[in-house]
Protein backbone atom coordinates (compact mmCIF):
# COMPACT_ATOMS: atom_id res chain seq x y z
CA MET A 1 23.99 -184.18 -15.91
CA GLU A 2 25.18 -184.59 -19.47
CA THR A 3 27.73 -187.40 -19.42
CA GLY A 4 29.58 -186.57 -22.64
CA ILE A 5 31.70 -189.01 -24.58
CA TRP A 6 33.95 -190.11 -21.70
CA ASP A 7 31.34 -191.76 -19.44
CA TRP A 8 31.67 -195.23 -20.90
CA VAL A 9 29.33 -197.02 -18.48
CA ALA A 10 26.52 -194.57 -19.29
CA ARG A 11 27.10 -195.09 -23.01
CA GLN A 12 26.87 -198.86 -22.64
CA ALA A 13 23.72 -198.50 -20.53
CA TRP A 14 22.10 -196.50 -23.35
CA ARG A 15 23.16 -198.94 -26.05
CA ARG A 16 22.90 -202.32 -24.33
CA PRO A 17 21.10 -201.87 -21.00
CA SER A 18 20.38 -205.57 -20.40
CA ALA A 19 23.83 -206.85 -21.45
CA PRO A 20 25.95 -208.45 -18.68
CA ALA A 21 28.34 -205.96 -17.09
CA LEU A 22 29.56 -207.26 -13.73
CA VAL A 23 29.79 -210.56 -11.88
CA ALA A 24 31.10 -210.35 -8.31
CA GLY A 25 30.29 -213.16 -5.91
CA GLU A 26 26.54 -213.74 -6.01
CA ARG A 27 25.91 -210.37 -7.64
CA ARG A 28 25.19 -210.26 -11.39
CA TRP A 29 24.52 -206.85 -12.88
CA ASP A 30 23.65 -205.67 -16.35
CA PHE A 31 24.81 -202.28 -17.63
CA ARG A 32 21.57 -200.59 -16.57
CA THR A 33 22.04 -201.73 -12.96
CA LEU A 34 25.73 -200.85 -12.97
CA ASP A 35 24.97 -197.40 -14.39
CA GLN A 36 22.40 -196.73 -11.66
CA ALA A 37 24.87 -197.74 -8.93
CA VAL A 38 27.58 -195.57 -10.48
CA GLY A 39 25.18 -192.61 -10.55
CA ARG A 40 24.29 -193.02 -6.89
CA ALA A 41 27.94 -193.43 -5.93
CA ALA A 42 28.91 -190.28 -7.84
CA ALA A 43 26.10 -188.43 -6.08
CA ARG A 44 27.30 -189.73 -2.71
CA LEU A 45 30.82 -188.49 -3.41
CA ARG A 46 29.39 -185.12 -4.40
CA GLN A 47 27.38 -184.96 -1.18
CA ALA A 48 30.61 -185.60 0.72
CA GLY A 49 31.95 -182.36 -0.75
CA LEU A 50 34.02 -183.87 -3.55
CA GLY A 51 34.07 -182.58 -7.09
CA PRO A 52 36.10 -182.33 -10.29
CA GLY A 53 39.82 -182.14 -9.63
CA ASP A 54 39.67 -183.57 -6.12
CA ARG A 55 41.71 -186.67 -5.40
CA VAL A 56 40.09 -189.67 -3.69
CA ALA A 57 42.13 -192.45 -2.10
CA MET A 58 40.83 -195.98 -2.60
CA LEU A 59 41.52 -198.70 -0.03
CA LEU A 60 39.22 -201.41 -1.34
CA PRO A 61 39.78 -205.01 -2.45
CA PRO A 62 38.46 -205.97 -5.89
CA GLY A 63 34.68 -206.29 -5.71
CA THR A 64 31.46 -204.42 -6.40
CA ALA A 65 32.32 -201.45 -4.19
CA ALA A 66 35.68 -200.93 -5.89
CA VAL A 67 34.32 -201.31 -9.43
CA VAL A 68 31.54 -198.82 -8.74
CA LEU A 69 34.00 -196.35 -7.20
CA VAL A 70 36.32 -196.50 -10.23
CA TYR A 71 33.47 -195.64 -12.59
CA ALA A 72 31.85 -193.11 -10.22
CA SER A 73 35.11 -191.22 -9.85
CA LEU A 74 35.37 -191.04 -13.63
CA ARG A 75 31.81 -189.72 -13.88
CA LEU A 76 32.29 -187.06 -11.22
CA GLY A 77 35.69 -185.92 -12.49
CA THR A 78 37.63 -186.79 -9.36
CA ALA A 79 41.01 -188.52 -9.55
CA LEU A 80 41.34 -191.94 -7.97
CA VAL A 81 44.43 -192.71 -5.86
CA PRO A 82 44.53 -196.49 -5.40
CA VAL A 83 46.56 -197.47 -2.33
CA ASN A 84 48.48 -200.74 -2.36
CA LEU A 85 46.76 -202.77 0.34
CA ARG A 86 49.95 -204.70 1.12
CA LEU A 87 51.87 -201.65 2.32
CA THR A 88 52.83 -200.88 5.89
CA ALA A 89 51.27 -197.84 7.51
CA ALA A 90 54.47 -195.84 7.04
CA GLU A 91 54.61 -196.71 3.33
CA ALA A 92 50.94 -195.81 2.84
CA ALA A 93 51.43 -192.58 4.80
CA ALA A 94 54.20 -191.48 2.43
CA ILE A 95 51.96 -192.02 -0.59
CA LEU A 96 48.98 -190.25 0.95
CA ALA A 97 51.15 -187.31 2.02
CA ASP A 98 52.44 -186.99 -1.54
CA ALA A 99 49.04 -187.37 -3.23
CA GLU A 100 47.13 -185.14 -0.76
CA PRO A 101 43.70 -186.70 -1.36
CA ALA A 102 40.63 -184.84 -0.16
CA ALA A 103 39.04 -188.04 1.18
CA ALA A 104 39.28 -191.82 1.12
CA VAL A 105 36.86 -194.63 0.44
CA VAL A 106 37.91 -197.56 2.60
CA ALA A 107 36.73 -201.08 3.40
CA PRO A 108 36.31 -201.82 7.13
CA GLU A 109 39.18 -204.32 7.15
CA TYR A 110 41.57 -201.58 5.95
CA LEU A 111 40.45 -198.92 8.43
CA PRO A 112 43.38 -199.71 10.77
CA LEU A 113 45.81 -199.11 7.90
CA LEU A 114 44.16 -195.78 7.05
CA GLU A 115 43.96 -194.73 10.70
CA ALA A 116 47.66 -195.36 11.15
CA ALA A 117 48.67 -193.78 7.83
CA ALA A 118 46.39 -190.72 7.72
CA PRO A 119 44.25 -190.44 10.86
CA ASP A 120 42.80 -187.04 9.92
CA LEU A 121 41.81 -187.90 6.34
CA PRO A 122 38.01 -187.78 5.84
CA ARG A 123 36.66 -191.15 4.76
CA LEU A 124 33.62 -193.03 3.55
CA VAL A 125 33.52 -196.58 4.90
CA THR A 126 31.99 -199.14 2.57
CA GLY A 127 30.50 -201.57 5.09
CA PRO A 128 28.22 -203.88 3.11
CA GLU A 129 29.12 -203.74 -0.57
CA GLU A 130 26.68 -201.00 -1.58
CA ALA A 131 26.23 -199.23 1.77
CA TRP A 132 28.56 -196.33 1.12
CA TRP A 133 26.48 -195.04 -1.79
CA ALA A 134 23.02 -196.19 -0.64
CA ALA A 135 22.48 -192.93 1.25
CA ALA A 136 22.79 -190.83 -1.91
CA ALA A 137 19.87 -188.47 -2.50
CA GLY A 138 19.76 -189.17 -6.23
CA THR A 139 21.23 -191.18 -9.04
CA GLU A 140 23.20 -188.41 -10.72
CA ALA A 141 25.99 -186.16 -9.59
CA PRO A 142 25.27 -182.55 -10.59
CA GLY A 143 28.07 -180.79 -12.38
CA ARG A 144 29.93 -180.89 -15.64
CA ALA A 145 30.61 -183.96 -17.76
CA PRO A 146 34.03 -185.60 -17.48
CA ARG A 147 36.68 -184.32 -19.88
CA GLY A 148 39.56 -186.03 -21.59
CA GLU A 149 42.13 -183.83 -19.87
CA ASP A 150 40.76 -184.62 -16.40
CA LEU A 151 43.11 -186.52 -14.13
CA ALA A 152 41.51 -189.97 -13.82
CA THR A 153 44.02 -191.84 -11.67
CA LEU A 154 47.19 -191.22 -9.70
CA VAL A 155 48.83 -194.64 -9.48
CA TYR A 156 51.99 -195.09 -7.43
CA THR A 157 54.78 -197.30 -8.71
CA SER A 158 58.13 -198.27 -7.24
CA GLY A 159 61.18 -197.12 -9.14
CA THR A 160 64.88 -197.62 -8.72
CA SER A 161 65.17 -194.42 -6.68
CA GLY A 162 63.35 -195.99 -3.75
CA ARG A 163 60.47 -193.58 -3.08
CA ALA A 164 57.22 -194.55 -4.81
CA LYS A 165 56.39 -192.22 -7.71
CA GLY A 166 52.91 -191.02 -8.56
CA VAL A 167 51.96 -191.53 -12.20
CA PRO A 168 49.09 -189.22 -13.22
CA LEU A 169 46.94 -190.64 -16.02
CA THR A 170 44.16 -188.63 -17.61
CA VAL A 171 40.82 -189.88 -18.87
CA ALA A 172 42.21 -189.60 -22.39
CA ASN A 173 45.36 -191.57 -21.45
CA HIS A 174 43.19 -194.47 -20.32
CA TRP A 175 40.94 -194.12 -23.37
CA TRP A 176 43.79 -194.35 -25.87
CA ASN A 177 45.36 -197.30 -24.07
CA ALA A 178 42.06 -199.19 -23.89
CA LEU A 179 41.22 -198.44 -27.51
CA GLY A 180 44.71 -199.44 -28.66
CA SER A 181 44.40 -202.72 -26.77
CA GLN A 182 40.93 -203.33 -28.18
CA LEU A 183 42.13 -202.89 -31.76
CA HIS A 184 45.27 -204.95 -31.14
CA LEU A 185 43.62 -207.94 -29.48
CA GLY A 186 40.10 -207.79 -30.85
CA GLN A 187 37.78 -207.10 -27.89
CA PHE A 188 34.04 -207.06 -28.49
CA PRO A 189 30.67 -206.65 -26.78
CA GLY A 190 29.90 -210.00 -25.22
CA ASP A 191 33.50 -210.70 -24.20
CA ARG A 192 34.07 -211.68 -20.57
CA TRP A 193 37.14 -210.48 -18.67
CA LEU A 194 38.29 -212.32 -15.56
CA LEU A 195 39.77 -209.72 -13.21
CA CYS A 196 42.00 -211.40 -10.62
CA VAL A 197 44.80 -208.81 -10.40
CA PRO A 198 44.81 -205.95 -7.86
CA LEU A 199 43.05 -202.69 -8.60
CA TYR A 200 45.89 -200.72 -7.02
CA HIS A 201 47.92 -201.59 -10.11
CA VAL A 202 47.23 -200.14 -13.54
CA SER A 203 46.85 -203.68 -14.89
CA GLY A 204 43.66 -204.11 -12.86
CA LEU A 205 42.28 -200.65 -13.52
CA SER A 206 42.89 -201.00 -17.25
CA ILE A 207 40.64 -204.08 -17.40
CA LEU A 208 37.72 -202.03 -16.06
CA TYR A 209 38.29 -199.25 -18.58
CA ARG A 210 38.64 -201.69 -21.50
CA ALA A 211 35.49 -203.55 -20.50
CA ALA A 212 33.39 -200.39 -20.24
CA ILE A 213 34.62 -199.10 -23.59
CA SER A 214 34.15 -202.40 -25.46
CA GLY A 215 30.97 -203.50 -23.70
CA ALA A 216 32.49 -206.59 -22.10
CA ALA A 217 31.43 -208.10 -18.79
CA VAL A 218 33.92 -208.28 -15.92
CA VAL A 219 34.01 -211.25 -13.56
CA VAL A 220 35.75 -209.94 -10.44
CA HIS A 221 37.70 -212.04 -7.94
CA PRO A 222 38.68 -210.47 -4.61
CA ARG A 223 42.06 -212.22 -4.80
CA PHE A 224 43.88 -214.70 -6.99
CA ASP A 225 42.86 -218.25 -6.10
CA PRO A 226 43.74 -220.92 -8.70
CA ALA A 227 40.74 -223.13 -7.91
CA ALA A 228 38.34 -220.19 -8.18
CA VAL A 229 39.95 -219.05 -11.43
CA TRP A 230 39.59 -222.53 -12.94
CA ARG A 231 35.95 -222.63 -11.81
CA ASP A 232 35.10 -219.40 -13.57
CA LEU A 233 37.25 -220.02 -16.63
CA GLU A 234 35.09 -223.08 -17.23
CA GLY A 235 31.78 -221.91 -15.80
CA GLU A 236 31.59 -218.26 -16.85
CA GLY A 237 32.75 -218.54 -20.46
CA ILE A 238 35.77 -216.30 -19.84
CA THR A 239 37.36 -215.03 -23.04
CA LEU A 240 40.08 -212.70 -21.68
CA LEU A 241 42.47 -213.16 -18.76
CA SER A 242 45.41 -211.09 -17.49
CA VAL A 243 48.04 -212.62 -15.17
CA VAL A 244 51.68 -212.42 -14.14
CA PRO A 245 54.03 -215.43 -14.40
CA THR A 246 53.60 -216.52 -10.77
CA MET A 247 49.83 -216.65 -11.24
CA LEU A 248 50.10 -218.57 -14.51
CA GLN A 249 52.40 -221.15 -12.91
CA ARG A 250 50.00 -221.64 -10.00
CA LEU A 251 47.11 -221.99 -12.42
CA LEU A 252 48.88 -224.73 -14.35
CA ASP A 253 49.97 -226.51 -11.17
CA ALA A 254 46.44 -226.53 -9.75
CA ARG A 255 45.13 -228.70 -12.60
CA PRO A 256 48.21 -230.39 -14.13
CA GLU A 257 46.37 -232.27 -16.87
CA ALA A 258 43.49 -229.90 -17.64
CA PRO A 259 43.40 -228.13 -21.00
CA ALA A 260 42.44 -224.48 -21.32
CA PRO A 261 38.69 -223.89 -21.75
CA ALA A 262 37.64 -223.46 -25.37
CA SER A 263 36.15 -220.02 -24.68
CA LEU A 264 39.50 -218.53 -23.62
CA ARG A 265 40.83 -216.41 -26.47
CA VAL A 266 43.56 -214.27 -24.87
CA VAL A 267 45.83 -214.64 -21.85
CA LEU A 268 47.90 -211.49 -21.32
CA LEU A 269 51.14 -212.26 -19.51
CA GLY A 270 52.91 -209.27 -18.02
CA GLY A 271 54.45 -207.95 -14.85
CA ALA A 272 57.81 -209.72 -15.08
CA GLY A 273 59.86 -211.71 -17.54
CA ALA A 274 58.41 -215.20 -17.92
CA GLY A 275 60.63 -218.14 -18.72
CA THR A 276 60.22 -219.81 -22.08
CA ALA A 277 59.44 -223.15 -20.40
CA LEU A 278 56.41 -221.69 -18.58
CA VAL A 279 55.03 -220.02 -21.69
CA GLU A 280 55.50 -223.14 -23.81
CA ALA A 281 53.91 -225.36 -21.16
CA ALA A 282 50.86 -223.10 -21.03
CA ARG A 283 50.55 -222.90 -24.80
CA ALA A 284 50.87 -226.69 -25.07
CA ARG A 285 47.73 -226.97 -22.94
CA GLY A 286 45.83 -224.53 -25.12
CA PHE A 287 46.33 -221.32 -23.16
CA PRO A 288 46.66 -218.53 -25.76
CA VAL A 289 49.45 -216.71 -23.93
CA LEU A 290 50.49 -213.32 -25.30
CA ARG A 291 53.55 -211.71 -23.73
CA THR A 292 53.07 -208.04 -23.01
CA TYR A 293 55.37 -205.12 -22.34
CA GLY A 294 54.06 -202.11 -20.50
CA LEU A 295 54.45 -199.74 -17.60
CA THR A 296 52.24 -197.74 -15.30
CA GLU A 297 53.54 -194.71 -17.23
CA THR A 298 52.03 -196.05 -20.48
CA GLY A 299 48.62 -196.80 -18.96
CA SER A 300 49.33 -200.56 -19.02
CA GLN A 301 50.25 -202.33 -22.27
CA ALA A 302 52.55 -200.61 -24.73
CA ALA A 303 53.39 -203.66 -26.85
CA THR A 304 51.89 -207.15 -27.00
CA GLU A 305 52.21 -210.23 -29.14
CA LEU A 306 49.42 -210.50 -31.69
CA PRO A 307 46.83 -213.29 -31.47
CA GLY A 308 47.88 -216.02 -33.88
CA GLN A 309 51.48 -214.76 -33.89
CA GLU A 310 52.54 -215.98 -30.45
CA GLY A 311 56.28 -216.18 -29.99
CA GLU A 312 57.08 -213.74 -32.78
CA GLY A 313 57.70 -210.71 -30.57
CA ALA A 314 55.53 -207.96 -29.13
CA ARG A 315 54.24 -205.27 -31.45
CA PRO A 316 53.26 -201.77 -30.38
CA LEU A 317 49.61 -201.11 -29.72
CA PHE A 318 47.71 -198.83 -32.06
CA PHE A 319 48.51 -195.16 -31.30
CA THR A 320 51.82 -196.14 -29.60
CA ASP A 321 55.31 -195.53 -30.99
CA LEU A 322 58.38 -197.46 -29.87
CA ALA A 323 62.05 -196.63 -30.35
CA VAL A 324 65.40 -197.91 -29.12
CA LEU A 325 67.83 -195.15 -28.12
CA ASP A 326 71.55 -194.83 -27.48
CA GLU A 327 72.94 -193.27 -24.29
CA ALA A 328 72.57 -189.78 -25.75
CA GLY A 329 68.89 -190.37 -26.53
CA ARG A 330 69.35 -190.78 -30.29
CA PRO A 331 67.32 -193.44 -32.17
CA LEU A 332 69.30 -196.53 -33.10
CA PRO A 333 68.85 -198.50 -36.34
CA PRO A 334 66.72 -201.68 -36.34
CA GLY A 335 68.40 -204.63 -34.67
CA SER A 336 70.46 -202.51 -32.27
CA ILE A 337 70.44 -202.99 -28.51
CA GLY A 338 69.50 -199.88 -26.57
CA GLU A 339 67.08 -198.22 -24.18
CA ILE A 340 63.39 -198.68 -24.97
CA ALA A 341 61.42 -195.45 -25.41
CA VAL A 342 57.65 -195.08 -25.75
CA ARG A 343 55.55 -192.25 -27.15
CA GLY A 344 51.83 -191.77 -27.72
CA PRO A 345 48.57 -190.37 -26.32
CA ALA A 346 48.36 -193.11 -23.66
CA VAL A 347 51.68 -192.08 -22.08
CA THR A 348 51.60 -189.92 -18.95
CA ALA A 349 52.86 -186.36 -19.30
CA GLY A 350 55.21 -186.84 -16.34
CA TYR A 351 55.52 -187.94 -12.74
CA TRP A 352 53.59 -186.28 -9.95
CA ARG A 353 55.70 -183.54 -8.36
CA ARG A 354 59.00 -184.90 -9.69
CA PRO A 355 60.39 -182.13 -11.95
CA GLU A 356 63.99 -183.37 -11.91
CA GLU A 357 63.05 -186.92 -12.85
CA ASN A 358 60.67 -185.63 -15.49
CA ARG A 359 63.51 -183.74 -17.14
CA ARG A 360 65.57 -186.94 -17.23
CA ARG A 361 62.87 -189.31 -18.39
CA PHE A 362 60.53 -187.29 -20.63
CA ALA A 363 61.91 -185.70 -23.79
CA PRO A 364 60.39 -182.49 -25.24
CA ASP A 365 59.23 -184.44 -28.30
CA GLY A 366 57.15 -186.80 -26.16
CA TRP A 367 59.43 -189.81 -25.77
CA LEU A 368 59.45 -191.56 -22.39
CA ARG A 369 62.82 -193.16 -21.63
CA THR A 370 61.87 -196.37 -19.83
CA GLY A 371 65.30 -197.46 -18.63
CA ASP A 372 64.56 -200.92 -20.03
CA VAL A 373 66.81 -202.55 -22.61
CA GLY A 374 65.60 -204.11 -25.84
CA VAL A 375 65.88 -204.59 -29.58
CA LEU A 376 63.42 -203.26 -32.16
CA ALA A 377 63.22 -205.14 -35.46
CA ALA A 378 62.64 -203.39 -38.78
CA ASP A 379 59.01 -204.59 -38.81
CA GLY A 380 58.33 -203.13 -35.36
CA ARG A 381 58.64 -206.28 -33.24
CA LEU A 382 60.07 -205.57 -29.79
CA THR A 383 62.27 -207.96 -27.84
CA VAL A 384 62.78 -206.93 -24.22
CA LEU A 385 66.22 -208.02 -23.03
CA ASP A 386 66.24 -206.61 -19.52
CA ARG A 387 63.88 -204.61 -17.36
CA ARG A 388 65.24 -201.66 -15.39
CA ALA A 389 68.52 -203.02 -14.11
CA ASP A 390 68.07 -202.20 -10.44
CA LEU A 391 64.36 -202.99 -10.17
CA ILE A 392 63.33 -206.31 -8.60
CA ILE A 393 60.01 -207.72 -9.83
CA SER A 394 58.58 -210.34 -7.47
CA GLY A 395 55.20 -211.88 -8.22
CA GLY A 396 54.29 -208.87 -10.34
CA GLU A 397 55.21 -206.33 -7.63
CA ASN A 398 58.01 -203.80 -8.20
CA ILE A 399 60.62 -203.56 -5.45
CA ALA A 400 63.07 -200.66 -5.35
CA PRO A 401 66.37 -201.87 -3.84
CA ALA A 402 67.17 -198.37 -2.57
CA GLU A 403 64.02 -198.36 -0.42
CA VAL A 404 64.90 -201.69 1.19
CA GLU A 405 68.52 -200.63 1.68
CA ALA A 406 67.42 -197.47 3.49
CA VAL A 407 65.51 -199.60 6.00
CA LEU A 408 68.39 -202.05 6.52
CA ASN A 409 70.86 -199.20 6.93
CA ALA A 410 68.73 -197.75 9.72
CA HIS A 411 69.62 -200.73 11.94
CA PRO A 412 72.43 -199.69 14.31
CA ALA A 413 74.48 -202.81 13.48
CA VAL A 414 74.48 -202.11 9.73
CA ALA A 415 76.95 -199.69 8.15
CA GLY A 416 75.75 -200.26 4.61
CA SER A 417 73.88 -202.74 2.45
CA VAL A 418 73.08 -203.74 -1.09
CA VAL A 419 69.84 -205.47 -2.10
CA VAL A 420 69.55 -207.54 -5.26
CA GLY A 421 67.01 -209.86 -6.82
CA ILE A 422 67.77 -213.54 -7.31
CA PRO A 423 65.77 -216.07 -9.35
CA ASP A 424 62.91 -217.84 -7.60
CA PRO A 425 60.80 -220.61 -9.16
CA GLU A 426 57.54 -219.31 -7.71
CA TRP A 427 57.90 -215.52 -7.60
CA GLY A 428 60.27 -214.92 -10.50
CA GLN A 429 62.63 -212.96 -8.27
CA VAL A 430 62.99 -212.41 -4.53
CA PRO A 431 65.12 -209.79 -2.74
CA VAL A 432 68.22 -210.74 -0.75
CA ALA A 433 70.73 -208.50 0.97
CA TRP A 434 74.43 -208.09 1.68
CA ALA A 435 75.23 -205.99 4.77
CA VAL A 436 78.42 -204.49 6.16
CA PRO A 437 78.62 -204.50 9.98
CA ALA A 438 78.89 -201.15 11.70
CA PRO A 439 82.32 -200.66 13.33
CA GLY A 440 82.41 -201.31 17.04
CA THR A 441 79.01 -202.99 17.26
CA PRO A 442 78.57 -206.36 18.98
CA PRO A 443 77.83 -209.38 16.80
CA VAL A 444 74.23 -209.44 15.58
CA ALA A 445 72.39 -212.29 13.90
CA ALA A 446 71.20 -211.72 10.36
CA GLU A 447 67.73 -212.73 11.52
CA GLU A 448 67.61 -209.76 13.91
CA VAL A 449 68.20 -207.34 11.04
CA LEU A 450 65.60 -209.12 8.91
CA GLN A 451 63.05 -208.86 11.73
CA PHE A 452 63.87 -205.16 12.05
CA ALA A 453 63.11 -204.73 8.34
CA ALA A 454 59.95 -206.84 8.55
CA GLY A 455 58.28 -204.27 10.75
CA ARG A 456 58.98 -201.48 8.26
CA LEU A 457 58.43 -203.03 4.83
CA ALA A 458 55.53 -204.66 3.02
CA GLY A 459 55.88 -208.43 2.97
CA TYR A 460 56.90 -208.70 -0.66
CA LYS A 461 59.73 -206.16 -0.14
CA ARG A 462 61.37 -207.98 2.79
CA PRO A 463 64.71 -209.66 2.01
CA ARG A 464 64.47 -213.44 2.13
CA ALA A 465 68.01 -213.70 3.46
CA LEU A 466 70.91 -211.52 4.58
CA ARG A 467 74.64 -212.21 4.49
CA TRP A 468 77.38 -210.22 6.16
CA THR A 469 80.36 -209.02 4.14
CA PRO A 470 83.39 -206.87 5.03
CA SER A 471 82.70 -204.41 2.19
CA LEU A 472 80.31 -203.65 -0.63
CA PRO A 473 81.29 -203.71 -4.32
CA LEU A 474 81.53 -200.11 -5.50
CA THR A 475 82.45 -198.30 -8.70
CA ALA A 476 85.24 -195.72 -8.78
CA ASN A 477 82.72 -192.97 -8.07
CA GLY A 478 81.13 -194.84 -5.17
CA LYS A 479 78.05 -196.34 -6.82
CA LEU A 480 76.92 -199.82 -5.87
CA ARG A 481 77.86 -202.54 -8.36
CA ARG A 482 74.67 -204.56 -8.05
CA ALA A 483 75.58 -207.00 -10.80
CA VAL A 484 78.71 -207.98 -8.87
CA ALA A 485 76.72 -208.37 -5.65
CA ARG A 486 74.14 -210.52 -7.42
CA ALA A 487 76.77 -212.73 -9.03
CA ALA A 488 78.58 -213.19 -5.71
CA TRP A 489 75.36 -214.25 -4.03
CA LEU A 490 74.55 -216.78 -6.72
CA GLU A 491 78.08 -218.15 -6.70
CA GLY A 492 78.12 -218.43 -2.92
CA ALA A 493 81.43 -216.51 -2.79
CA ALA A 494 80.76 -214.75 0.47
CA THR A 495 81.07 -214.85 4.19
CA ALA A 496 78.64 -217.32 5.67
CA GLU A 497 75.16 -216.32 6.68
CA GLY A 498 74.72 -215.79 10.40
CA ARG A 499 76.34 -213.40 12.85
CA ASN A 500 78.29 -210.43 11.63
CA PRO A 501 82.05 -210.80 11.77
CA ALA A 502 82.65 -207.66 13.81
């Protein structure tokens, strides 16, 4: 099979076959070995009846099997649908029903989740790391080469509307984002990425694409563990690291006096707004922290501080345009506060099967209205003032208040609720809830409602506390006034936690 220009692993295997490509546990592969595994995996997918245009769900933790699947899907022309491994079966079922994958590749420990979410979905079970592709009859998948317009991934992200949205990203979308990041940060053959973020987020996937394009090695951790990260930062010569604020804080706390290793050149900090104190503490210890701004819809980064210019504001990546708009969608002059908009070849063309939202968010001239608020300086520096007002970002995970409210409101003792995010020193934000008791119901403890929600929501979405209130703050047209609810919670101006006052 002719691989064409988009099969980045094959290109690196031709150019630098013995260069380090992957470190995962005890396994150390060069690009030749990685390329051979990717070829066998693509052939195995083909033998399972999959081909260009098919969607393949991935329920795998970070590791060799997941890395090989990401690259094999690219080679074959299938579209990867990474499933958040922290979801409940009902949440995963909604995503799989929307994505309609033809098959799934699943690790044994996540078979119960898949069985409960989509019992009839054909699957390949990984077993030992390489077992799922070892039965392939060859090392190449027959068929056409991947194309730039092929759908590469369908990544689901929580939005303020509650239901997770699929974000389709093409091969070319990922290419332009990776290339823009490479030119912005300076990424080279011989670099070493430490991947300790989930592969069901675009932040994790983007590391694999960047590494294959630039010729860097990836050191993969199955989960974030501060001690293991320190070990490999020092022992593996890591040059590039991507984390969210909660992870960075844990990293600093694990070794309070230790300086950053000399090899570390870039620490990308994204996912949620990080406090100045955390960033300054990390930089004081030699961690070259660069704040980033990005979305799943932009393929990961859209703007990042430049190396050597830390603290001066994020600048757009190469091939990415930024604007700040007024409420009518008109560009505002430099220095004005408005809605951040992004345009460029890395930006998705629109949400999966969401025509109404696409009309609201994607302009005919290519601008994506992010819903975030910021200021754009005359020299292009972006200052993000507020992420999407309703969205709660906890430990790098997006939480849609409307989704949590729908679960709380399903409890027979709850007539209505409002969920807001409050500051948390470890997670950045955590969700909490106000609830109005249903008329005529007997008193119910807040804990009972929280337990009800716990069985229906992923752990990070569950409210940490619930307070009863006689009424919810509403606008004149009946919309929830979340800012008022948040302020009331923080001020403690509320009925006491405990049983409802009915």
